[in-house]
Amino acid sequence: MNGQSKNIQEIGRRRLLFVVNSPDFFLSHRLPIALKALQESHEVHMATAGRHHGGSVAAQQKG
């Protein structure tokens, strides 16, 4: 695959950004939605001002 084809595929890829006040809220209410989006090859991101829970989110995804 050449670079141009890859760029065209990336442009068509859907991205989802969750903006939440608390990482705990994301884990308890939005994680299933994010996991489903990942299964469907979407790019998923979370923005939060809360304390860092990156490890917790990653553990939930694997578990």
Protein backbone atom coordinates (compact mmCIF):
# COMPACT_ATOMS: atom_id res chain seq x y z
CA MET A 1 0.00 0.00 0.00
CA ASN A 2 1.47 3.35 -0.92
CA GLY A 3 1.37 6.41 1.34
CA GLN A 4 -1.41 8.07 -0.62
CA SER A 5 -3.77 5.10 -0.23
CA LYS A 6 -3.09 4.97 3.49
CA ASN A 7 -3.88 8.67 3.86
CA ILE A 8 -7.19 8.22 2.04
CA GLN A 9 -8.13 5.36 4.39
CA GLU A 10 -7.21 7.41 7.45
CA ILE A 11 -9.34 10.31 6.24
CA GLY A 12 -12.35 8.00 6.04
CA ARG A 13 -11.78 6.56 9.51
CA ARG A 14 -14.27 7.83 12.06
CA ARG A 15 -13.04 9.42 15.27
CA LEU A 16 -14.90 9.62 18.55
CA LEU A 17 -13.96 11.99 21.37
CA PHE A 18 -15.50 11.59 24.81
CA VAL A 19 -15.29 14.75 26.94
CA VAL A 20 -16.03 13.88 30.56
CA ASN A 21 -15.56 15.60 33.91
CA SER A 22 -14.58 12.39 35.65
CA PRO A 23 -12.73 9.32 34.36
CA ASP A 24 -14.85 7.28 36.78
CA PHE A 25 -17.99 8.42 34.94
CA PHE A 26 -16.45 7.32 31.65
CA LEU A 27 -15.65 3.88 33.08
CA SER A 28 -19.12 3.39 34.54
CA HIS A 29 -21.25 4.92 31.76
CA ARG A 30 -19.37 5.27 28.48
CA LEU A 31 -16.82 2.45 28.35
CA PRO A 32 -19.16 -0.02 26.57
CA ILE A 33 -19.80 2.56 23.84
CA ALA A 34 -16.08 3.22 23.43
CA LEU A 35 -15.27 -0.50 23.28
CA LYS A 36 -17.93 -1.10 20.63
CA ALA A 37 -16.55 1.79 18.58
CA LEU A 38 -13.05 0.29 18.82
CA GLN A 39 -14.40 -3.07 17.64
CA GLU A 40 -15.84 -1.28 14.62
CA SER A 41 -12.39 0.23 13.84
CA HIS A 42 -13.17 3.73 15.04
CA GLU A 43 -10.50 5.87 16.65
CA VAL A 44 -11.51 6.61 20.26
CA HIS A 45 -10.17 9.32 22.58
CA MET A 46 -11.13 10.66 25.99
CA ALA A 47 -10.55 14.19 27.31
CA THR A 48 -10.92 14.84 31.02
CA ALA A 49 -9.82 17.31 33.64
CA GLY A 50 -10.02 14.62 36.32
CA ARG A 51 -7.14 12.76 37.85
CA HIS A 52 -5.24 10.41 35.56
CA HIS A 53 -6.83 6.96 35.10
CA GLY A 54 -5.18 5.88 31.87
CA GLY A 55 -4.17 2.56 33.40
CA SER A 56 -7.71 1.91 34.62
CA VAL A 57 -9.16 2.59 31.19
CA ALA A 58 -6.61 0.31 29.51
CA ALA A 59 -7.28 -2.45 32.05
CA GLN A 60 -11.03 -2.21 31.42
CA GLN A 61 -10.45 -2.50 27.67
CA LYS A 62 -8.37 -5.68 28.06
CA GLY A 63 -10.53 -7.23 30.77
